[in-house]
Amino acid sequence: QAGGSLRLSCAASGNTLTINVFGW
């Protein structure tokens, strides 16, 4: 409902050492 909250998660796998930026 309006005014409420949610928490999104994003799990990365594979060649994660190459990640520079995470974005939504």
PDB file of all heavy atoms in Angstrom:
ATOM      1  N   GLN A   1       0.829  -1.195   0.000  1.00  0.00           N
ATOM      2  CA  GLN A   1       0.000   0.000   0.000  1.00  0.00           C
ATOM      3  C   GLN A   1       0.868   1.251   0.000  1.00  0.00           C
ATOM      4  O   GLN A   1       2.028   1.224   0.437  1.00  0.00           O
ATOM      5  CB  GLN A   1      -0.914   0.006   1.216  1.00  0.00           C
ATOM      6  CG  GLN A   1      -2.029  -1.020   1.157  1.00  0.00           C
ATOM      7  CD  GLN A   1      -3.001  -0.867   2.309  1.00  0.00           C
ATOM      8  OE1 GLN A   1      -2.654  -0.389   3.377  1.00  0.00           O
ATOM      9  NE2 GLN A   1      -4.245  -1.289   2.085  1.00  0.00           N
ATOM     10  N   ALA A   2       0.306   2.330  -0.478  1.00  0.00           N
ATOM     11  CA  ALA A   2       1.011   3.610  -0.476  1.00  0.00           C
ATOM     12  C   ALA A   2       1.468   3.945   0.948  1.00  0.00           C
ATOM     13  O   ALA A   2       0.728   3.753   1.913  1.00  0.00           O
ATOM     14  CB  ALA A   2       0.109   4.708  -1.009  1.00  0.00           C
ATOM     15  N   GLY A   3       2.707   4.413   1.030  1.00  0.00           N
ATOM     16  CA  GLY A   3       3.309   4.709   2.323  1.00  0.00           C
ATOM     17  C   GLY A   3       4.087   3.553   2.908  1.00  0.00           C
ATOM     18  O   GLY A   3       4.809   3.729   3.896  1.00  0.00           O
ATOM     19  N   GLY A   4       3.959   2.382   2.302  1.00  0.00           N
ATOM     20  CA  GLY A   4       4.641   1.197   2.800  1.00  0.00           C
ATOM     21  C   GLY A   4       6.075   1.089   2.316  1.00  0.00           C
ATOM     22  O   GLY A   4       6.595   1.986   1.637  1.00  0.00           O
ATOM     23  N   SER A   5       6.689  -0.033   2.671  1.00  0.00           N
ATOM     24  CA  SER A   5       8.101  -0.254   2.349  1.00  0.00           C
ATOM     25  C   SER A   5       8.310  -1.630   1.744  1.00  0.00           C
ATOM     26  O   SER A   5       7.547  -2.568   2.012  1.00  0.00           O
ATOM     27  CB  SER A   5       8.958  -0.145   3.621  1.00  0.00           C
ATOM     28  OG  SER A   5       8.859   1.138   4.206  1.00  0.00           O
ATOM     29  N   LEU A   6       9.345  -1.719   0.941  1.00  0.00           N
ATOM     30  CA  LEU A   6       9.812  -2.992   0.399  1.00  0.00           C
ATOM     31  C   LEU A   6      11.331  -2.955   0.344  1.00  0.00           C
ATOM     32  O   LEU A   6      11.922  -1.875   0.210  1.00  0.00           O
ATOM     33  CB  LEU A   6       9.271  -3.245  -1.010  1.00  0.00           C
ATOM     34  CG  LEU A   6       7.823  -3.687  -1.172  1.00  0.00           C
ATOM     35  CD1 LEU A   6       7.468  -3.737  -2.664  1.00  0.00           C
ATOM     36  CD2 LEU A   6       7.586  -5.047  -0.535  1.00  0.00           C
ATOM     37  N   ARG A   7      11.927  -4.132   0.404  1.00  0.00           N
ATOM     38  CA  ARG A   7      13.373  -4.234   0.249  1.00  0.00           C
ATOM     39  C   ARG A   7      13.669  -5.210  -0.871  1.00  0.00           C
ATOM     40  O   ARG A   7      13.296  -6.385  -0.798  1.00  0.00           O
ATOM     41  CB  ARG A   7      14.023  -4.722   1.534  1.00  0.00           C
ATOM     42  CG  ARG A   7      15.543  -4.646   1.512  1.00  0.00           C
ATOM     43  CD  ARG A   7      16.122  -5.398   2.680  1.00  0.00           C
ATOM     44  NE  ARG A   7      17.514  -5.070   2.933  1.00  0.00           N
ATOM     45  CZ  ARG A   7      18.369  -5.894   3.546  1.00  0.00           C
ATOM     46  NH1 ARG A   7      17.961  -7.077   3.967  1.00  0.00           N
ATOM     47  NH2 ARG A   7      19.623  -5.513   3.749  1.00  0.00           N
ATOM     48  N   LEU A   8      14.318  -4.714  -1.901  1.00  0.00           N
ATOM     49  CA  LEU A   8      14.723  -5.552  -3.014  1.00  0.00           C
ATOM     50  C   LEU A   8      16.153  -6.041  -2.796  1.00  0.00           C
ATOM     51  O   LEU A   8      16.990  -5.315  -2.256  1.00  0.00           O
ATOM     52  CB  LEU A   8      14.648  -4.782  -4.332  1.00  0.00           C
ATOM     53  CG  LEU A   8      13.310  -4.128  -4.671  1.00  0.00           C
ATOM     54  CD1 LEU A   8      13.407  -3.464  -6.051  1.00  0.00           C
ATOM     55  CD2 LEU A   8      12.183  -5.124  -4.641  1.00  0.00           C
ATOM     56  N   SER A   9      16.409  -7.252  -3.255  1.00  0.00           N
ATOM     57  CA  SER A   9      17.754  -7.823  -3.201  1.00  0.00           C
ATOM     58  C   SER A   9      18.164  -8.263  -4.592  1.00  0.00           C
ATOM     59  O   SER A   9      17.335  -8.669  -5.396  1.00  0.00           O
ATOM     60  CB  SER A   9      17.799  -9.030  -2.260  1.00  0.00           C
ATOM     61  OG  SER A   9      17.451  -8.684  -0.950  1.00  0.00           O
ATOM     62  N   CYS A  10      19.452  -8.189  -4.834  1.00  0.00           N
ATOM     63  CA  CYS A  10      20.007  -8.649  -6.110  1.00  0.00           C
ATOM     64  C   CYS A  10      21.289  -9.401  -5.791  1.00  0.00           C
ATOM     65  O   CYS A  10      22.256  -8.810  -5.310  1.00  0.00           O
ATOM     66  CB  CYS A  10      20.283  -7.475  -7.023  1.00  0.00           C
ATOM     67  SG  CYS A  10      21.140  -7.924  -8.555  1.00  0.00           S
ATOM     68  N   ALA A  11      21.271 -10.690  -6.064  1.00  0.00           N
ATOM     69  CA  ALA A  11      22.429 -11.535  -5.805  1.00  0.00           C
ATOM     70  C   ALA A  11      23.195 -11.776  -7.098  1.00  0.00           C
ATOM     71  O   ALA A  11      22.617 -12.232  -8.087  1.00  0.00           O
ATOM     72  CB  ALA A  11      21.988 -12.856  -5.203  1.00  0.00           C
ATOM     73  N   ALA A  12      24.468 -11.462  -7.071  1.00  0.00           N
ATOM     74  CA  ALA A  12      25.323 -11.653  -8.241  1.00  0.00           C
ATOM     75  C   ALA A  12      26.166 -12.908  -8.068  1.00  0.00           C
ATOM     76  O   ALA A  12      26.621 -13.222  -6.967  1.00  0.00           O
ATOM     77  CB  ALA A  12      26.227 -10.441  -8.432  1.00  0.00           C
ATOM     78  N   SER A  13      26.362 -13.609  -9.165  1.00  0.00           N
ATOM     79  CA  SER A  13      27.241 -14.776  -9.167  1.00  0.00           C
ATOM     80  C   SER A  13      28.039 -14.790 -10.458  1.00  0.00           C
ATOM     81  O   SER A  13      27.757 -14.042 -11.384  1.00  0.00           O
ATOM     82  CB  SER A  13      26.433 -16.066  -9.008  1.00  0.00           C
ATOM     83  OG  SER A  13      25.526 -16.217 -10.076  1.00  0.00           O
ATOM     84  N   GLY A  14      29.027 -15.653 -10.486  1.00  0.00           N
ATOM     85  CA  GLY A  14      29.896 -15.704 -11.654  1.00  0.00           C
ATOM     86  C   GLY A  14      31.140 -14.867 -11.414  1.00  0.00           C
ATOM     87  O   GLY A  14      31.726 -14.916 -10.341  1.00  0.00           O
ATOM     88  N   ASN A  15      31.526 -14.078 -12.383  1.00  0.00           N
ATOM     89  CA  ASN A  15      32.759 -13.313 -12.330  1.00  0.00           C
ATOM     90  C   ASN A  15      32.535 -11.989 -11.598  1.00  0.00           C
ATOM     91  O   ASN A  15      32.660 -10.896 -12.163  1.00  0.00           O
ATOM     92  CB  ASN A  15      33.269 -13.067 -13.745  1.00  0.00           C
ATOM     93  CG  ASN A  15      34.740 -12.718 -13.770  1.00  0.00           C
ATOM     94  OD1 ASN A  15      35.396 -12.681 -12.732  1.00  0.00           O
ATOM     95  ND2 ASN A  15      35.258 -12.438 -14.957  1.00  0.00           N
ATOM     96  N   THR A  16      32.225 -12.077 -10.303  1.00  0.00           N
ATOM     97  CA  THR A  16      31.838 -10.888  -9.536  1.00  0.00           C
ATOM     98  C   THR A  16      33.002  -9.940  -9.251  1.00  0.00           C
ATOM     99  O   THR A  16      32.769  -8.770  -8.951  1.00  0.00           O
ATOM    100  CB  THR A  16      31.180 -11.292  -8.217  1.00  0.00           C
ATOM    101  OG1 THR A  16      32.102 -12.089  -7.471  1.00  0.00           O
ATOM    102  CG2 THR A  16      29.896 -12.076  -8.458  1.00  0.00           C
ATOM    103  N   LEU A  17      34.223 -10.421  -9.363  1.00  0.00           N
ATOM    104  CA  LEU A  17      35.371  -9.545  -9.129  1.00  0.00           C
ATOM    105  C   LEU A  17      35.499  -8.470 -10.200  1.00  0.00           C
ATOM    106  O   LEU A  17      36.217  -7.487 -10.019  1.00  0.00           O
ATOM    107  CB  LEU A  17      36.652 -10.367  -9.051  1.00  0.00           C
ATOM    108  CG  LEU A  17      36.780 -11.293  -7.847  1.00  0.00           C
ATOM    109  CD1 LEU A  17      38.090 -12.073  -7.918  1.00  0.00           C
ATOM    110  CD2 LEU A  17      36.694 -10.517  -6.543  1.00  0.00           C
ATOM    111  N   THR A  18      34.795  -8.669 -11.311  1.00  0.00           N
ATOM    112  CA  THR A  18      34.860  -7.697 -12.404  1.00  0.00           C
ATOM    113  C   THR A  18      33.820  -6.598 -12.290  1.00  0.00           C
ATOM    114  O   THR A  18      33.775  -5.703 -13.127  1.00  0.00           O
ATOM    115  CB  THR A  18      34.657  -8.399 -13.756  1.00  0.00           C
ATOM    116  OG1 THR A  18      33.322  -8.939 -13.797  1.00  0.00           O
ATOM    117  CG2 THR A  18      35.660  -9.518 -13.955  1.00  0.00           C
ATOM    118  N   ILE A  19      32.996  -6.662 -11.230  1.00  0.00           N
ATOM    119  CA  ILE A  19      31.907  -5.693 -11.098  1.00  0.00           C
ATOM    120  C   ILE A  19      32.434  -4.365 -10.587  1.00  0.00           C
ATOM    121  O   ILE A  19      33.085  -4.294  -9.549  1.00  0.00           O
ATOM    122  CB  ILE A  19      30.814  -6.218 -10.163  1.00  0.00           C
ATOM    123  CG1 ILE A  19      30.143  -7.448 -10.766  1.00  0.00           C
ATOM    124  CG2 ILE A  19      29.775  -5.125  -9.908  1.00  0.00           C
ATOM    125  CD1 ILE A  19      29.159  -8.131  -9.835  1.00  0.00           C
ATOM    126  N   ASN A  20      32.108  -3.300 -11.311  1.00  0.00           N
ATOM    127  CA  ASN A  20      32.484  -1.950 -10.902  1.00  0.00           C
ATOM    128  C   ASN A  20      31.302  -1.222 -10.267  1.00  0.00           C
ATOM    129  O   ASN A  20      31.445  -0.604  -9.213  1.00  0.00           O
ATOM    130  CB  ASN A  20      32.973  -1.158 -12.118  1.00  0.00           C
ATOM    131  CG  ASN A  20      33.370   0.256 -11.773  1.00  0.00           C
ATOM    132  OD1 ASN A  20      33.806   0.541 -10.655  1.00  0.00           O
ATOM    133  ND2 ASN A  20      33.241   1.156 -12.729  1.00  0.00           N
ATOM    134  N   VAL A  21      30.154  -1.303 -10.893  1.00  0.00           N
ATOM    135  CA  VAL A  21      28.969  -0.568 -10.445  1.00  0.00           C
ATOM    136  C   VAL A  21      27.778  -1.516 -10.370  1.00  0.00           C
ATOM    137  O   VAL A  21      27.550  -2.301 -11.300  1.00  0.00           O
ATOM    138  CB  VAL A  21      28.615   0.578 -11.417  1.00  0.00           C
ATOM    139  CG1 VAL A  21      27.428   1.387 -10.880  1.00  0.00           C
ATOM    140  CG2 VAL A  21      29.815   1.468 -11.674  1.00  0.00           C
ATOM    141  N   PHE A  22      27.047  -1.421  -9.273  1.00  0.00           N
ATOM    142  CA  PHE A  22      25.733  -2.042  -9.161  1.00  0.00           C
ATOM    143  C   PHE A  22      24.691  -0.946  -9.344  1.00  0.00           C
ATOM    144  O   PHE A  22      24.856   0.166  -8.821  1.00  0.00           O
ATOM    145  CB  PHE A  22      25.522  -2.638  -7.758  1.00  0.00           C
ATOM    146  CG  PHE A  22      25.958  -4.044  -7.583  1.00  0.00           C
ATOM    147  CD1 PHE A  22      27.143  -4.331  -6.913  1.00  0.00           C
ATOM    148  CD2 PHE A  22      25.174  -5.097  -8.035  1.00  0.00           C
ATOM    149  CE1 PHE A  22      27.540  -5.647  -6.719  1.00  0.00           C
ATOM    150  CE2 PHE A  22      25.558  -6.409  -7.837  1.00  0.00           C
ATOM    151  CZ  PHE A  22      26.748  -6.684  -7.177  1.00  0.00           C
ATOM    152  N   GLY A  23      23.612  -1.276 -10.029  1.00  0.00           N
ATOM    153  CA  GLY A  23      22.567  -0.288 -10.189  1.00  0.00           C
ATOM    154  C   GLY A  23      21.189  -0.912 -10.116  1.00  0.00           C
ATOM    155  O   GLY A  23      21.019  -2.112 -10.354  1.00  0.00           O
ATOM    156  N   TRP A  24      20.221  -0.086  -9.763  1.00  0.00           N
ATOM    157  CA  TRP A  24      18.808  -0.453  -9.843  1.00  0.00           C
ATOM    158  C   TRP A  24      18.135   0.491 -10.833  1.00  0.00           C
ATOM    159  O   TRP A  24      18.303   1.716 -10.735  1.00  0.00           O
ATOM    160  CB  TRP A  24      18.129  -0.345  -8.490  1.00  0.00           C
ATOM    161  CG  TRP A  24      18.438  -1.446  -7.535  1.00  0.00           C
ATOM    162  CD1 TRP A  24      19.326  -1.422  -6.504  1.00  0.00           C
ATOM    163  CD2 TRP A  24      17.847  -2.746  -7.517  1.00  0.00           C
ATOM    164  NE1 TRP A  24      19.340  -2.625  -5.848  1.00  0.00           N
ATOM    165  CE2 TRP A  24      18.423  -3.459  -6.457  1.00  0.00           C
ATOM    166  CE3 TRP A  24      16.876  -3.391  -8.293  1.00  0.00           C
ATOM    167  CZ2 TRP A  24      18.070  -4.774  -6.143  1.00  0.00           C
ATOM    168  CZ3 TRP A  24      16.524  -4.699  -7.993  1.00  0.00           C
ATOM    169  CH2 TRP A  24      17.119  -5.374  -6.934  1.00  0.00           C
TER     170      TRP A  24
END
